Amino acid sequence: MVRFTVLASGSRGNATVVTGGRTRILVDCGLSCRELFRRMKLADEEPETLDAILISHEHSDHVGGVAVTARKLGIPVYFTEGTHRAWMRWLQPRRQMTYAQWLEQIRKQAAERQAEAVGEEGEPDETDMVEAEEGRENEPQVLRLATLAQDDTR
């Protein structure tokens, strides 16, 4: 026997528990985790017994609480590739940034990589310094300094 327990249906959230035998699946999770658990308990459903979450599509009234609920219960979430892609875009919208902001971000990442390399290999050599400086307006000066330092050691 298959049993459907509709916990919410509408633009403010959608969630249905489908039970068949020993398997229990939550279809859509458009409610907050707290609200979902409250409604499940009111309907004599135990959240801890859910086996998985199935998402029909990426609209916020179907996925609003999926991340927290799945993490809290430690259960898998199933959706199509297209739904997953759209949901990820919804979670992490693309940021627009100026060239200067992008350049600063690249510089910070290069400095972090260089710091990690120093921690792993000891002191950086002139090659590391030149690589960390790539893309900077001062590149010719830095290259000249690295070359001079190399020539002085010969």
C-alpha atoms as a PDB file:
ATOM      1  CA  MET A   1       0.000   0.000   0.000  1.00  0.00           C
ATOM      2  CA  VAL A   2       1.220   3.494  -0.850  1.00  0.00           C
ATOM      3  CA  ARG A   3       0.344   6.414   1.415  1.00  0.00           C
ATOM      4  CA  PHE A   4       0.596  10.122   0.569  1.00  0.00           C
ATOM      5  CA  THR A   5       0.733  12.719   3.341  1.00  0.00           C
ATOM      6  CA  VAL A   6       0.468  16.229   1.929  1.00  0.00           C
ATOM      7  CA  LEU A   7       2.151  18.619   4.351  1.00  0.00           C
ATOM      8  CA  ALA A   8       1.971  21.729   2.165  1.00  0.00           C
ATOM      9  CA  SER A   9       0.735  22.596  -1.298  1.00  0.00           C
ATOM     10  CA  GLY A  10       0.884  26.121  -2.612  1.00  0.00           C
ATOM     11  CA  SER A  11       3.064  29.062  -3.487  1.00  0.00           C
ATOM     12  CA  ARG A  12       4.400  29.292   0.088  1.00  0.00           C
ATOM     13  CA  GLY A  13       5.737  25.752   0.068  1.00  0.00           C
ATOM     14  CA  ASN A  14       5.214  22.214  -1.180  1.00  0.00           C
ATOM     15  CA  ALA A  15       6.019  18.985   0.655  1.00  0.00           C
ATOM     16  CA  THR A  16       4.536  15.487   0.527  1.00  0.00           C
ATOM     17  CA  VAL A  17       5.619  12.318   2.301  1.00  0.00           C
ATOM     18  CA  VAL A  18       5.194   9.196   0.151  1.00  0.00           C
ATOM     19  CA  THR A  19       5.332   5.904   2.039  1.00  0.00           C
ATOM     20  CA  GLY A  20       5.426   2.501   0.409  1.00  0.00           C
ATOM     21  CA  GLY A  21       6.379  -0.550   2.444  1.00  0.00           C
ATOM     22  CA  ARG A  22       9.430   0.428   4.494  1.00  0.00           C
ATOM     23  CA  THR A  23      10.503   3.272   2.181  1.00  0.00           C
ATOM     24  CA  ARG A  24       9.603   6.860   2.990  1.00  0.00           C
ATOM     25  CA  ILE A  25      10.410   9.693   0.586  1.00  0.00           C
ATOM     26  CA  LEU A  26       9.780  13.391   0.950  1.00  0.00           C
ATOM     27  CA  VAL A  27       8.682  14.783  -2.411  1.00  0.00           C
ATOM     28  CA  ASP A  28       9.684  18.450  -2.545  1.00  0.00           C
ATOM     29  CA  CYS A  29      10.892  20.427   0.427  1.00  0.00           C
ATOM     30  CA  GLY A  30       9.584  23.951   0.091  1.00  0.00           C
ATOM     31  CA  LEU A  31       9.151  24.552   3.821  1.00  0.00           C
ATOM     32  CA  SER A  32      11.833  25.483   6.309  1.00  0.00           C
ATOM     33  CA  CYS A  33      13.250  22.516   8.175  1.00  0.00           C
ATOM     34  CA  ARG A  34      11.601  23.637  11.417  1.00  0.00           C
ATOM     35  CA  GLU A  35       8.176  24.071   9.784  1.00  0.00           C
ATOM     36  CA  LEU A  36       8.489  20.793   7.898  1.00  0.00           C
ATOM     37  CA  PHE A  37       9.282  18.868  11.097  1.00  0.00           C
ATOM     38  CA  ARG A  38       6.427  20.603  12.951  1.00  0.00           C
ATOM     39  CA  ARG A  39       3.921  19.627  10.268  1.00  0.00           C
ATOM     40  CA  MET A  40       5.259  16.088  10.048  1.00  0.00           C
ATOM     41  CA  LYS A  41       4.796  15.607  13.792  1.00  0.00           C
ATOM     42  CA  LEU A  42       1.251  17.005  13.589  1.00  0.00           C
ATOM     43  CA  ALA A  43       0.515  14.371  10.917  1.00  0.00           C
ATOM     44  CA  ASP A  44       2.114  11.566  13.019  1.00  0.00           C
ATOM     45  CA  GLU A  45       5.069  11.322  10.636  1.00  0.00           C
ATOM     46  CA  GLU A  46       8.567  11.002  12.038  1.00  0.00           C
ATOM     47  CA  PRO A  47      11.168  13.082  10.161  1.00  0.00           C
ATOM     48  CA  GLU A  48      14.006  10.768  11.275  1.00  0.00           C
ATOM     49  CA  THR A  49      12.469   7.871   9.329  1.00  0.00           C
ATOM     50  CA  LEU A  50      12.722   9.579   5.918  1.00  0.00           C
ATOM     51  CA  ASP A  51      14.985   7.744   3.466  1.00  0.00           C
ATOM     52  CA  ALA A  52      15.451  10.447   0.817  1.00  0.00           C
ATOM     53  CA  ILE A  53      14.183  13.685  -0.679  1.00  0.00           C
ATOM     54  CA  LEU A  54      12.978  13.894  -4.276  1.00  0.00           C
ATOM     55  CA  ILE A  55      12.766  17.346  -5.849  1.00  0.00           C
ATOM     56  CA  SER A  56      10.398  17.819  -8.783  1.00  0.00           C
ATOM     57  CA  HIS A  57      11.782  21.185  -9.937  1.00  0.00           C
ATOM     58  CA  GLU A  58      13.844  24.119  -8.710  1.00  0.00           C
ATOM     59  CA  HIS A  59      11.217  26.720  -7.788  1.00  0.00           C
ATOM     60  CA  SER A  60      11.767  28.110  -4.315  1.00  0.00           C
ATOM     61  CA  ASP A  61       8.410  26.783  -3.086  1.00  0.00           C
ATOM     62  CA  HIS A  62       9.752  23.275  -3.834  1.00  0.00           C
ATOM     63  CA  VAL A  63      13.388  23.591  -2.655  1.00  0.00           C
ATOM     64  CA  GLY A  64      13.335  26.252   0.075  1.00  0.00           C
ATOM     65  CA  GLY A  65      14.308  23.933   2.925  1.00  0.00           C
ATOM     66  CA  VAL A  66      16.055  21.083   1.129  1.00  0.00           C
ATOM     67  CA  ALA A  67      19.666  21.899   2.048  1.00  0.00           C
ATOM     68  CA  VAL A  68      19.086  22.212   5.792  1.00  0.00           C
ATOM     69  CA  THR A  69      16.652  19.280   5.953  1.00  0.00           C
ATOM     70  CA  ALA A  70      18.910  16.893   4.032  1.00  0.00           C
ATOM     71  CA  ARG A  71      21.936  17.916   6.089  1.00  0.00           C
ATOM     72  CA  LYS A  72      20.084  17.595   9.387  1.00  0.00           C
ATOM     73  CA  LEU A  73      18.683  14.150   8.543  1.00  0.00           C
ATOM     74  CA  GLY A  74      21.755  12.947   6.641  1.00  0.00           C
ATOM     75  CA  ILE A  75      19.694  11.709   3.689  1.00  0.00           C
ATOM     76  CA  PRO A  76      20.270  11.926  -0.072  1.00  0.00           C
ATOM     77  CA  VAL A  77      18.492  14.364  -2.362  1.00  0.00           C
ATOM     78  CA  TYR A  78      17.470  13.296  -5.876  1.00  0.00           C
ATOM     79  CA  PHE A  79      16.754  15.646  -8.753  1.00  0.00           C
ATOM     80  CA  THR A  80      17.426  15.884 -12.461  1.00  0.00           C
ATOM     81  CA  GLU A  81      20.654  17.431 -13.707  1.00  0.00           C
ATOM     82  CA  GLY A  82      18.783  20.483 -14.996  1.00  0.00           C
ATOM     83  CA  THR A  83      17.013  20.986 -11.676  1.00  0.00           C
ATOM     84  CA  HIS A  84      20.297  20.622  -9.793  1.00  0.00           C
ATOM     85  CA  ARG A  85      22.024  23.151 -12.061  1.00  0.00           C
ATOM     86  CA  ALA A  86      19.204  25.674 -11.631  1.00  0.00           C
ATOM     87  CA  TRP A  87      19.103  25.125  -7.870  1.00  0.00           C
ATOM     88  CA  MET A  88      22.856  25.715  -7.597  1.00  0.00           C
ATOM     89  CA  ARG A  89      22.510  28.969  -9.560  1.00  0.00           C
ATOM     90  CA  TRP A  90      19.733  29.982  -7.173  1.00  0.00           C
ATOM     91  CA  LEU A  91      21.942  29.222  -4.149  1.00  0.00           C
ATOM     92  CA  GLN A  92      25.057  30.872  -5.575  1.00  0.00           C
ATOM     93  CA  PRO A  93      24.044  33.686  -7.905  1.00  0.00           C
ATOM     94  CA  ARG A  94      26.776  34.997 -10.146  1.00  0.00           C
ATOM     95  CA  ARG A  95      28.446  38.127  -8.901  1.00  0.00           C
ATOM     96  CA  GLN A  96      29.296  40.907 -11.235  1.00  0.00           C
ATOM     97  CA  MET A  97      32.576  42.594 -10.485  1.00  0.00           C
ATOM     98  CA  THR A  98      34.752  45.228 -12.038  1.00  0.00           C
ATOM     99  CA  TYR A  99      38.080  44.377 -13.631  1.00  0.00           C
ATOM    100  CA  ALA A 100      39.851  45.969 -10.654  1.00  0.00           C
ATOM    101  CA  GLN A 101      37.918  43.750  -8.218  1.00  0.00           C
ATOM    102  CA  TRP A 102      38.684  40.675 -10.306  1.00  0.00           C
ATOM    103  CA  LEU A 103      42.380  41.582 -10.471  1.00  0.00           C
ATOM    104  CA  GLU A 104      42.524  42.062  -6.704  1.00  0.00           C
ATOM    105  CA  GLN A 105      40.883  38.656  -6.198  1.00  0.00           C
ATOM    106  CA  ILE A 106      43.463  37.027  -8.508  1.00  0.00           C
ATOM    107  CA  ARG A 107      46.308  38.727  -6.619  1.00  0.00           C
ATOM    108  CA  LYS A 108      44.996  37.486  -3.270  1.00  0.00           C
ATOM    109  CA  GLN A 109      44.710  33.943  -4.592  1.00  0.00           C
ATOM    110  CA  ALA A 110      48.285  34.102  -5.928  1.00  0.00           C
ATOM    111  CA  ALA A 111      49.540  35.382  -2.567  1.00  0.00           C
ATOM    112  CA  GLU A 112      47.705  32.554  -0.755  1.00  0.00           C
ATOM    113  CA  ARG A 113      49.238  29.974  -3.116  1.00  0.00           C
ATOM    114  CA  GLN A 114      52.672  31.475  -2.539  1.00  0.00           C
ATOM    115  CA  ALA A 115      52.191  31.408   1.242  1.00  0.00           C
ATOM    116  CA  GLU A 116      51.165  27.751   1.042  1.00  0.00           C
ATOM    117  CA  ALA A 117      54.212  26.981  -1.109  1.00  0.00           C
ATOM    118  CA  VAL A 118      56.488  28.668   1.435  1.00  0.00           C
ATOM    119  CA  GLY A 119      54.956  26.611   4.214  1.00  0.00           C
ATOM    120  CA  GLU A 120      55.458  23.385   2.261  1.00  0.00           C
ATOM    121  CA  GLU A 121      58.861  24.000   0.663  1.00  0.00           C
ATOM    122  CA  GLY A 122      60.642  26.545   2.858  1.00  0.00           C
ATOM    123  CA  GLU A 123      61.778  29.838   1.358  1.00  0.00           C
ATOM    124  CA  PRO A 124      60.442  30.741  -2.111  1.00  0.00           C
ATOM    125  CA  ASP A 125      62.922  30.958  -4.957  1.00  0.00           C
ATOM    126  CA  GLU A 126      62.895  33.683  -7.628  1.00  0.00           C
ATOM    127  CA  THR A 127      60.661  31.549  -9.878  1.00  0.00           C
ATOM    128  CA  ASP A 128      57.972  31.498  -7.171  1.00  0.00           C
ATOM    129  CA  MET A 129      58.228  35.260  -6.793  1.00  0.00           C
ATOM    130  CA  VAL A 130      57.908  35.863 -10.528  1.00  0.00           C
ATOM    131  CA  GLU A 131      54.886  33.521 -10.793  1.00  0.00           C
ATOM    132  CA  ALA A 132      53.166  35.272  -7.890  1.00  0.00           C
ATOM    133  CA  GLU A 133      53.631  38.627  -9.579  1.00  0.00           C
ATOM    134  CA  GLU A 134      52.207  37.652 -12.992  1.00  0.00           C
ATOM    135  CA  GLY A 135      49.460  39.938 -14.191  1.00  0.00           C
ATOM    136  CA  ARG A 136      50.564  42.943 -12.143  1.00  0.00           C
ATOM    137  CA  GLU A 137      51.259  46.338 -13.644  1.00  0.00           C
ATOM    138  CA  ASN A 138      54.740  46.249 -12.017  1.00  0.00           C
ATOM    139  CA  GLU A 139      55.708  43.010 -13.740  1.00  0.00           C
ATOM    140  CA  PRO A 140      58.753  44.353 -15.660  1.00  0.00           C
ATOM    141  CA  GLN A 141      60.243  45.817 -12.453  1.00  0.00           C
ATOM    142  CA  VAL A 142      59.684  42.598 -10.516  1.00  0.00           C
ATOM    143  CA  LEU A 143      61.175  40.520 -13.329  1.00  0.00           C
ATOM    144  CA  ARG A 144      64.184  42.814 -13.467  1.00  0.00           C
ATOM    145  CA  LEU A 145      64.690  42.488  -9.695  1.00  0.00           C
ATOM    146  CA  ALA A 146      64.421  38.715  -9.853  1.00  0.00           C
ATOM    147  CA  THR A 147      66.889  38.616 -12.771  1.00  0.00           C
ATOM    148  CA  LEU A 148      69.352  40.924 -10.971  1.00  0.00           C
ATOM    149  CA  ALA A 149      69.149  38.812  -7.848  1.00  0.00           C
ATOM    150  CA  GLN A 150      69.852  35.710  -9.921  1.00  0.00           C
ATOM    151  CA  ASP A 151      72.816  37.400 -11.676  1.00  0.00           C
ATOM    152  CA  ASP A 152      74.334  38.500  -8.345  1.00  0.00           C
ATOM    153  CA  THR A 153      74.495  34.908  -7.129  1.00  0.00           C
ATOM    154  CA  ARG A 154      76.629  33.760 -10.071  1.00  0.00           C
END
